[in-house]
């Protein structure tokens, strides 16, 4: 071959670390090892035995490539002969398990390449798949005698998973959804977590619960340093609330399973950036049956044997019109103040009504609100609602803080 082909991965340098060699002064070398470490330019003055370094060293091997990082490589074709070659075409493809990508900056051929000259190219690719990747570099050219030459080189590397992401969903009675995301660093080096955000679906607004407001400033719950050490796990919490136009439609939110996707950005070593975006997160939609009863307002603390008010929301989740009757059954501690057997009227599909009710408690402590019954007179079907909420009952002599 007239041409020589070279490929080198472009990565950031790393900090040089020196292995300390020392001994006690009474040993044979005496203070020789300690003095050598102090004179070594690669050690930090005053901390020679801590394996710290102030110098940078170029990568000695291909290194690890993680999903979400940008793979960069330098490609050079050098004319090692004493003849001029013509029509040189350099092509770089990346073969994955599912596709073949062309990474060449230009598809045009170079007219000629003189002796001891070279053609250089730098390619970039954001890695989006895990597993085996093969960089296929091909060169074709024509010699002075008109002979067409062609050769290829293959460079195989593995793409590893940098993070382990686990999610949990908690469905609240008020149609809110709480998402807990557990993110674990499964690499061998620390990560600087630049951003972890949730992009909600079109039906929800999201509120991040990962900061604490102190003295007018918003501080991260993870502290000022957002480094994630190897094999450490960090938990992020988000609250999703349905938008007003969807919250009013009972049947819509009930069937929503798509919540959104997580967007994670991090940096490693000397600022190498990585980004991962999960697929659409889905939850198991809660089942409310035909009629849903939820609490809109309820006090946290009430006085013993003094009436207090709650507000309920009744929603028809079925596909038929209901004619509802409200019945209230007293328990050992909670007593209802009102008329039982009250007609609530017709409730159309996906419609809601708000109901204000009054209760009092005859027992102190944490008491559960129970005893509501809704009967559909059309089908003669009764729906029972117990433990719909709790209140803390205190003596009226105790001042509520």
Protein backbone atom coordinates (compact mmCIF):
# COMPACT_ATOMS: atom_id res chain seq x y z
CA UNK A 1 0.00 0.00 0.00
CA UNK A 2 1.07 3.57 -0.72
CA UNK A 3 -0.95 5.05 2.16
CA UNK A 4 -0.74 4.51 5.91
CA UNK A 5 -3.89 4.79 7.99
CA UNK A 6 -3.94 5.93 11.68
CA UNK A 7 -6.84 6.36 14.08
CA UNK A 8 -6.65 7.82 17.60
CA UNK A 9 -9.45 8.48 20.03
CA UNK A 10 -9.61 12.07 21.31
CA UNK A 11 -10.16 12.23 25.06
CA UNK A 12 -9.35 14.66 27.82
CA UNK A 13 -6.09 14.11 29.71
CA UNK A 14 -6.08 12.84 33.27
CA UNK A 15 -4.27 13.94 36.40
CA UNK A 16 -1.02 12.10 36.92
CA UNK A 17 -0.81 10.15 40.17
CA UNK A 18 2.44 9.00 41.70
CA UNK A 19 2.75 5.97 43.97
CA UNK A 20 4.58 7.11 47.15
CA UNK A 21 7.55 5.07 48.31
CA UNK A 22 8.77 5.93 51.80
CA UNK A 23 10.31 4.41 54.89
CA UNK A 24 11.22 5.29 58.43
CA UNK A 25 14.38 7.24 59.12
CA UNK A 26 15.93 4.34 61.05
CA UNK A 27 15.75 2.10 57.97
CA UNK A 28 18.72 1.71 55.67
CA UNK A 29 17.67 4.29 53.03
CA UNK A 30 17.16 6.83 55.77
CA UNK A 31 15.56 10.00 54.42
CA UNK A 32 16.44 9.23 50.78
CA UNK A 33 12.95 8.17 49.63
CA UNK A 34 11.29 11.13 51.33
CA UNK A 35 13.72 13.55 49.72
CA UNK A 36 13.16 11.99 46.28
CA UNK A 37 9.39 12.49 46.64
CA UNK A 38 9.88 16.13 47.64
CA UNK A 39 12.12 16.70 44.61
CA UNK A 40 9.72 14.92 42.24
CA UNK A 41 7.96 17.62 40.11
CA UNK A 42 4.82 15.45 39.79
CA UNK A 43 3.99 15.54 43.51
CA UNK A 44 2.15 18.26 45.41
CA UNK A 45 4.43 20.11 47.78
CA UNK A 46 3.57 19.32 51.37
CA UNK A 47 1.38 16.35 50.38
CA UNK A 48 3.88 14.04 48.70
CA UNK A 49 2.43 10.86 50.27
CA UNK A 50 -1.21 11.46 49.26
CA UNK A 51 -0.93 10.29 45.61
CA UNK A 52 -2.05 13.68 44.40
CA UNK A 53 -0.66 15.20 41.24
CA UNK A 54 -0.65 18.57 39.50
CA UNK A 55 0.45 17.35 36.07
CA UNK A 56 -1.65 16.06 33.21
CA UNK A 57 -0.96 12.87 31.33
CA UNK A 58 -2.22 11.91 27.88
CA UNK A 59 -4.46 8.83 27.57
CA UNK A 60 -2.44 5.64 27.38
CA UNK A 61 -5.25 3.44 26.04
CA UNK A 62 -8.63 3.61 24.38
CA UNK A 63 -10.41 3.94 27.74
CA UNK A 64 -14.08 3.41 28.57
CA UNK A 65 -16.92 4.93 26.58
CA UNK A 66 -20.26 5.42 28.33
CA UNK A 67 -23.74 5.84 26.98
CA UNK A 68 -24.63 9.51 26.53
CA UNK A 69 -21.04 10.68 26.03
CA UNK A 70 -19.60 12.04 22.76
CA UNK A 71 -17.16 9.74 20.97
CA UNK A 72 -14.45 11.77 19.19
CA UNK A 73 -11.69 10.35 17.02
CA UNK A 74 -8.81 11.68 14.92
CA UNK A 75 -8.28 10.01 11.53
CA UNK A 76 -5.10 10.52 9.50
CA UNK A 77 -4.13 9.13 6.09
CA UNK A 78 -0.44 9.60 5.26
CA UNK A 79 1.26 9.09 1.90
CA UNK A 80 4.29 7.00 2.85
CA UNK A 81 5.47 6.48 -0.73
CA UNK A 82 7.51 8.62 -3.13
CA UNK A 83 4.67 8.85 -5.63
CA UNK A 84 1.65 11.09 -5.96
CA UNK A 85 -1.67 9.28 -5.50
CA UNK A 86 -4.98 10.60 -6.79
CA UNK A 87 -8.71 10.49 -6.02
CA UNK A 88 -8.29 9.69 -2.35
CA UNK A 89 -11.60 9.01 -0.61
CA UNK A 90 -11.67 8.48 3.15
CA UNK A 91 -14.84 7.11 4.72
CA UNK A 92 -15.62 6.44 8.38
CA UNK A 93 -18.71 4.47 9.43
CA UNK A 94 -19.86 3.41 12.89
CA UNK A 95 -21.55 0.03 13.00
CA UNK A 96 -23.85 -0.67 15.98
CA UNK A 97 -26.16 -3.56 16.71
CA UNK A 98 -29.06 -1.78 15.00
CA UNK A 99 -27.67 0.67 12.42
CA UNK A 100 -24.70 1.89 10.41
CA UNK A 101 -23.87 5.61 10.65
CA UNK A 102 -21.66 7.65 8.34
CA UNK A 103 -19.40 9.91 10.41
CA UNK A 104 -17.25 11.39 7.65
CA UNK A 105 -17.19 15.19 7.58
CA UNK A 106 -17.04 15.25 3.77
CA UNK A 107 -17.93 12.72 1.07
CA UNK A 108 -15.86 14.42 -1.63
CA UNK A 109 -12.63 12.84 -2.86
CA UNK A 110 -9.27 14.62 -2.58
CA UNK A 111 -7.78 15.18 -6.03
CA UNK A 112 -4.20 14.22 -5.13
CA UNK A 113 -1.91 13.56 -2.20
CA UNK A 114 1.82 14.25 -2.50
CA UNK A 115 4.54 12.21 -0.76
CA UNK A 116 4.86 12.79 3.01
CA UNK A 117 1.53 14.65 3.05
CA UNK A 118 -1.56 13.58 4.91
CA UNK A 119 -5.33 13.98 5.03
CA UNK A 120 -6.74 14.62 8.50
CA UNK A 121 -10.29 14.41 9.76
CA UNK A 122 -11.96 14.58 13.20
CA UNK A 123 -15.27 12.79 13.74
CA UNK A 124 -17.79 13.17 16.55
CA UNK A 125 -20.75 11.02 17.55
CA UNK A 126 -23.05 11.10 20.58
CA UNK A 127 -23.30 7.50 21.73
CA UNK A 128 -26.93 6.42 22.07
CA UNK A 129 -26.69 2.62 22.23
CA UNK A 130 -25.17 0.14 24.67
CA UNK A 131 -23.03 -2.74 23.45
CA UNK A 132 -20.45 -3.42 20.78
CA UNK A 133 -19.55 -0.64 18.35
CA UNK A 134 -17.23 -1.03 15.36
CA UNK A 135 -15.56 1.95 13.71
CA UNK A 136 -15.04 1.02 10.04
CA UNK A 137 -12.48 3.23 8.25
CA UNK A 138 -12.04 2.74 4.51
CA UNK A 139 -9.66 4.37 2.03
CA UNK A 140 -9.74 4.20 -1.75
CA UNK A 141 -7.26 5.85 -4.13
CA UNK A 142 -5.65 5.62 -7.57
CA UNK A 143 -1.92 5.17 -8.20
CA UNK A 144 0.09 6.90 -10.92
CA UNK A 145 -0.25 3.81 -13.09
CA UNK A 146 -4.05 4.03 -12.86
CA UNK A 147 -4.46 1.08 -10.50
CA UNK A 148 -7.34 1.48 -8.08
CA UNK A 149 -6.52 0.53 -4.49
CA UNK A 150 -8.80 0.00 -1.51
CA UNK A 151 -8.35 -1.13 2.09
CA UNK A 152 -10.25 -1.01 5.40
CA UNK A 153 -9.49 -1.08 9.09
CA UNK A 154 -11.80 -2.03 11.96
CA UNK A 155 -11.72 -0.63 15.50
CA UNK A 156 -13.96 -2.39 18.00
CA UNK A 157 -15.02 -0.91 21.34
CA UNK A 158 -17.71 -1.41 23.97
CA UNK A 159 -20.19 1.21 25.16
CA UNK A 160 -21.03 0.81 28.85
CA UNK A 161 -23.96 1.95 30.96
CA UNK A 162 -23.01 4.90 33.22
CA UNK A 163 -26.13 5.20 35.37
CA UNK A 164 -28.74 2.90 36.84
CA UNK A 165 -32.10 4.67 36.98
CA UNK A 166 -35.06 3.29 38.94
CA UNK A 167 -38.44 5.01 39.29
CA UNK A 168 -41.37 4.67 41.68
CA UNK A 169 -44.80 6.28 41.38
CA UNK A 170 -47.18 7.28 44.17
CA UNK A 171 -50.74 8.26 43.22
CA UNK A 172 -52.34 10.80 45.55
CA UNK A 173 -56.07 11.19 46.11
CA UNK A 174 -55.99 14.70 44.65
CA UNK A 175 -54.88 13.43 41.19
CA UNK A 176 -51.30 14.40 42.00
CA UNK A 177 -48.56 11.94 41.08
CA UNK A 178 -45.28 11.78 43.01
CA UNK A 179 -42.28 10.39 41.14
CA UNK A 180 -39.23 9.13 43.00
CA UNK A 181 -36.16 8.64 40.77
CA UNK A 182 -33.19 6.71 42.16
CA UNK A 183 -30.01 7.43 40.17
CA UNK A 184 -26.89 5.34 40.85
CA UNK A 185 -23.40 6.02 39.48
CA UNK A 186 -22.15 2.63 38.23
CA UNK A 187 -18.89 3.97 36.73
CA UNK A 188 -15.49 3.95 38.44
CA UNK A 189 -15.10 7.73 38.73
CA UNK A 190 -17.06 10.52 40.46
CA UNK A 191 -19.71 12.45 38.54
CA UNK A 192 -20.75 16.06 38.78
CA UNK A 193 -24.54 16.06 38.42
CA UNK A 194 -25.17 19.19 36.39
CA UNK A 195 -28.91 18.71 35.87
CA UNK A 196 -31.60 16.18 36.69
CA UNK A 197 -35.00 17.36 35.50
CA UNK A 198 -38.36 15.87 34.59
CA UNK A 199 -40.01 16.84 31.31
CA UNK A 200 -43.72 16.15 31.95
CA UNK A 201 -46.27 15.04 29.41
CA UNK A 202 -48.72 17.57 27.99
CA UNK A 203 -51.31 16.89 30.71
CA UNK A 204 -49.15 17.69 33.74
CA UNK A 205 -47.22 20.50 35.39
CA UNK A 206 -44.19 19.45 37.41
CA UNK A 207 -42.73 20.80 40.65
CA UNK A 208 -39.24 19.72 41.77
CA UNK A 209 -38.98 18.78 45.44
CA UNK A 210 -35.19 18.64 45.59
CA UNK A 211 -34.49 22.07 47.06
CA UNK A 212 -35.04 23.77 50.42
CA UNK A 213 -35.71 27.50 50.78
CA UNK A 214 -33.59 29.02 53.56
CA UNK A 215 -33.26 32.75 54.17
CA UNK A 216 -34.64 33.59 50.75
CA UNK A 217 -32.25 31.25 48.97
CA UNK A 218 -32.99 27.94 47.32
CA UNK A 219 -30.45 25.27 48.31
CA UNK A 220 -30.16 21.75 47.03
CA UNK A 221 -31.11 18.97 49.44
CA UNK A 222 -27.84 17.26 48.44
CA UNK A 223 -25.68 20.15 49.65
CA UNK A 224 -23.41 22.58 47.85
CA UNK A 225 -21.33 19.84 46.22
CA UNK A 226 -23.40 17.80 43.79
CA UNK A 227 -20.81 15.04 43.23
CA UNK A 228 -22.01 11.47 42.95
CA UNK A 229 -19.31 9.01 43.99
CA UNK A 230 -18.96 5.56 42.32
CA UNK A 231 -21.78 3.17 43.30
CA UNK A 232 -23.54 5.92 45.27
CA UNK A 233 -27.27 6.48 44.80
CA UNK A 234 -29.20 9.70 44.94
CA UNK A 235 -32.99 10.08 45.18
CA UNK A 236 -34.88 12.83 43.35
CA UNK A 237 -38.54 13.63 44.00
CA UNK A 238 -41.05 15.35 41.70
CA UNK A 239 -44.72 16.24 42.05
CA UNK A 240 -46.91 16.25 38.95
CA UNK A 241 -50.24 18.06 38.98
CA UNK A 242 -52.76 17.79 36.16
CA UNK A 243 -53.37 20.98 34.23
CA UNK A 244 -56.66 22.73 34.90
CA UNK A 245 -58.24 21.83 31.56
CA UNK A 246 -57.56 18.14 32.16
CA UNK A 247 -58.23 18.06 35.92
CA UNK A 248 -61.87 18.97 35.30
CA UNK A 249 -62.37 15.90 33.12
CA UNK A 250 -62.50 12.93 35.43
CA UNK A 251 -62.17 10.27 32.77
CA UNK A 252 -59.10 11.81 31.18
CA UNK A 253 -56.68 11.74 34.10
CA UNK A 254 -57.97 8.34 35.16
CA UNK A 255 -56.62 6.78 31.97
CA UNK A 256 -53.34 8.69 31.75
CA UNK A 257 -50.31 6.40 32.02
CA UNK A 258 -47.59 8.48 30.32
CA UNK A 259 -45.97 10.83 32.85
CA UNK A 260 -42.90 12.24 31.10
CA UNK A 261 -39.18 11.57 30.80
CA UNK A 262 -36.09 12.29 32.86
CA UNK A 263 -33.28 14.42 31.44
CA UNK A 264 -29.90 13.81 33.15
CA UNK A 265 -26.72 15.79 32.43
CA UNK A 266 -23.39 15.11 34.13
CA UNK A 267 -19.66 15.82 33.82
CA UNK A 268 -16.69 13.60 34.58
CA UNK A 269 -12.92 13.98 34.94
CA UNK A 270 -11.90 17.29 33.35
CA UNK A 271 -15.35 18.38 32.18
CA UNK A 272 -16.32 15.59 29.79
CA UNK A 273 -20.05 15.97 29.36
CA UNK A 274 -22.64 13.22 29.19
CA UNK A 275 -26.38 13.28 28.78
CA UNK A 276 -29.10 10.67 29.08
CA UNK A 277 -32.80 10.98 28.45
CA UNK A 278 -35.04 8.14 29.52
CA UNK A 279 -37.91 6.84 27.46
CA UNK A 280 -41.43 7.95 28.39
CA UNK A 281 -42.11 6.90 31.98
CA UNK A 282 -45.42 5.16 32.51
CA UNK A 283 -47.35 4.50 35.67
CA UNK A 284 -50.16 2.09 36.50
CA UNK A 285 -53.33 4.18 36.22
CA UNK A 286 -55.35 4.05 39.46
CA UNK A 287 -58.78 2.48 39.36
CA UNK A 288 -61.54 4.50 41.04
CA UNK A 289 -64.56 2.34 40.19
CA UNK A 290 -67.81 3.96 39.11
CA UNK A 291 -67.89 6.70 41.75
CA UNK A 292 -64.85 8.45 43.18
CA UNK A 293 -64.94 10.34 46.48
CA UNK A 294 -61.94 12.52 47.35
CA UNK A 295 -61.29 15.05 50.11
CA UNK A 296 -60.81 18.64 49.02
CA UNK A 297 -60.38 20.21 52.47
CA UNK A 298 -60.00 18.76 55.96
CA UNK A 299 -58.46 20.32 59.10
CA UNK A 300 -55.31 18.82 60.59
CA UNK A 301 -56.33 19.37 64.23
CA UNK A 302 -59.80 19.78 65.75
CA UNK A 303 -61.14 20.27 69.26
CA UNK A 304 -62.87 17.50 71.18
CA UNK A 305 -66.71 17.56 70.87
CA UNK A 306 -66.64 20.66 68.66
CA UNK A 307 -68.04 20.55 65.08
CA UNK A 308 -65.62 20.85 62.17
CA UNK A 309 -66.17 21.00 58.40
CA UNK A 310 -64.78 18.99 55.53
CA UNK A 311 -65.32 19.30 51.78
CA UNK A 312 -65.71 16.26 49.56
CA UNK A 313 -65.63 15.94 45.80
CA UNK A 314 -67.82 13.25 44.20
CA UNK A 315 -67.01 12.30 40.60
CA UNK A 316 -68.93 10.05 38.24
CA UNK A 317 -66.24 7.88 36.61
CA UNK A 318 -68.68 5.65 34.77
CA UNK A 319 -70.25 6.10 31.36
CA UNK A 320 -73.82 6.44 32.61
CA UNK A 321 -75.84 9.00 34.53
CA UNK A 322 -76.31 8.34 38.24
CA UNK A 323 -78.97 9.43 40.73
CA UNK A 324 -77.15 9.53 44.06
CA UNK A 325 -78.33 9.44 47.66
CA UNK A 326 -75.95 10.27 50.52
CA UNK A 327 -76.13 8.34 53.78
CA UNK A 328 -73.99 8.99 56.87
CA UNK A 329 -73.24 6.31 59.45
CA UNK A 330 -71.78 7.26 62.84
CA UNK A 331 -68.76 5.42 64.22
CA UNK A 332 -67.55 5.03 67.81
CA UNK A 333 -65.51 8.22 67.64
CA UNK A 334 -66.74 10.27 64.63
CA UNK A 335 -70.33 11.55 64.51
CA UNK A 336 -71.98 13.22 61.52
CA UNK A 337 -73.97 16.43 61.91
CA UNK A 338 -76.59 16.56 59.19
CA UNK A 339 -79.42 14.77 57.46
CA UNK A 340 -78.72 11.22 56.31
CA UNK A 341 -80.48 9.98 53.18
CA UNK A 342 -80.02 13.29 51.38
CA UNK A 343 -80.77 13.36 47.64
CA UNK A 344 -77.79 14.64 45.65
CA UNK A 345 -79.56 14.54 42.31
CA UNK A 346 -78.37 13.33 38.94
CA UNK A 347 -74.68 13.25 38.15
CA UNK A 348 -73.69 12.91 34.49
CA UNK A 349 -70.63 10.94 33.27
CA UNK A 350 -67.27 12.66 34.01
CA UNK A 351 -69.08 15.30 36.08
CA UNK A 352 -68.31 16.27 39.67
CA UNK A 353 -70.02 17.93 42.61
CA UNK A 354 -68.62 19.44 45.81
CA UNK A 355 -70.20 18.60 49.13
CA UNK A 356 -69.65 20.37 52.47
CA UNK A 357 -70.16 18.15 55.53
CA UNK A 358 -69.96 18.71 59.29
CA UNK A 359 -68.64 16.27 61.90
CA UNK A 360 -67.58 16.13 65.54
CA UNK A 361 -65.41 13.69 67.47
CA UNK A 362 -66.07 12.33 70.94
CA UNK A 363 -62.69 10.64 71.34
CA UNK A 364 -59.24 12.23 71.47
CA UNK A 365 -56.29 11.16 69.37
CA UNK A 366 -55.85 10.48 65.67
CA UNK A 367 -59.28 9.59 64.35
CA UNK A 368 -60.26 8.27 60.93
CA UNK A 369 -63.19 9.73 59.00
CA UNK A 370 -65.50 6.90 57.95
CA UNK A 371 -69.14 6.06 57.43
CA UNK A 372 -70.08 7.70 54.09
CA UNK A 373 -72.38 5.74 51.80
CA UNK A 374 -73.47 6.66 48.27
CA UNK A 375 -76.37 4.80 46.69
CA UNK A 376 -77.21 4.90 42.99
CA UNK A 377 -81.01 4.64 42.85
CA UNK A 378 -80.94 3.62 39.17
CA UNK A 379 -79.03 0.37 39.77
CA UNK A 380 -79.76 0.08 43.51
CA UNK A 381 -75.98 -0.12 44.11
CA UNK A 382 -74.28 1.23 47.26
CA UNK A 383 -70.69 2.47 47.41
CA UNK A 384 -68.99 2.52 50.83
CA UNK A 385 -66.25 5.01 51.79
CA UNK A 386 -64.28 4.43 54.98
CA UNK A 387 -60.92 5.80 56.12
CA UNK A 388 -61.11 8.68 53.68
CA UNK A 389 -59.05 10.93 55.95
CA UNK A 390 -57.65 11.48 59.44
CA UNK A 391 -57.86 14.31 61.97
CA UNK A 392 -56.02 14.84 65.24
CA UNK A 393 -58.54 15.43 68.02
CA UNK A 394 -57.28 17.38 71.06
CA UNK A 395 -58.89 18.72 74.21
CA UNK A 396 -60.36 22.18 73.83
CA UNK A 397 -58.13 23.32 76.70
CA UNK A 398 -55.00 22.55 74.63
CA UNK A 399 -54.02 25.50 72.45
CA UNK A 400 -53.57 24.61 68.83
CA UNK A 401 -50.21 25.84 67.53
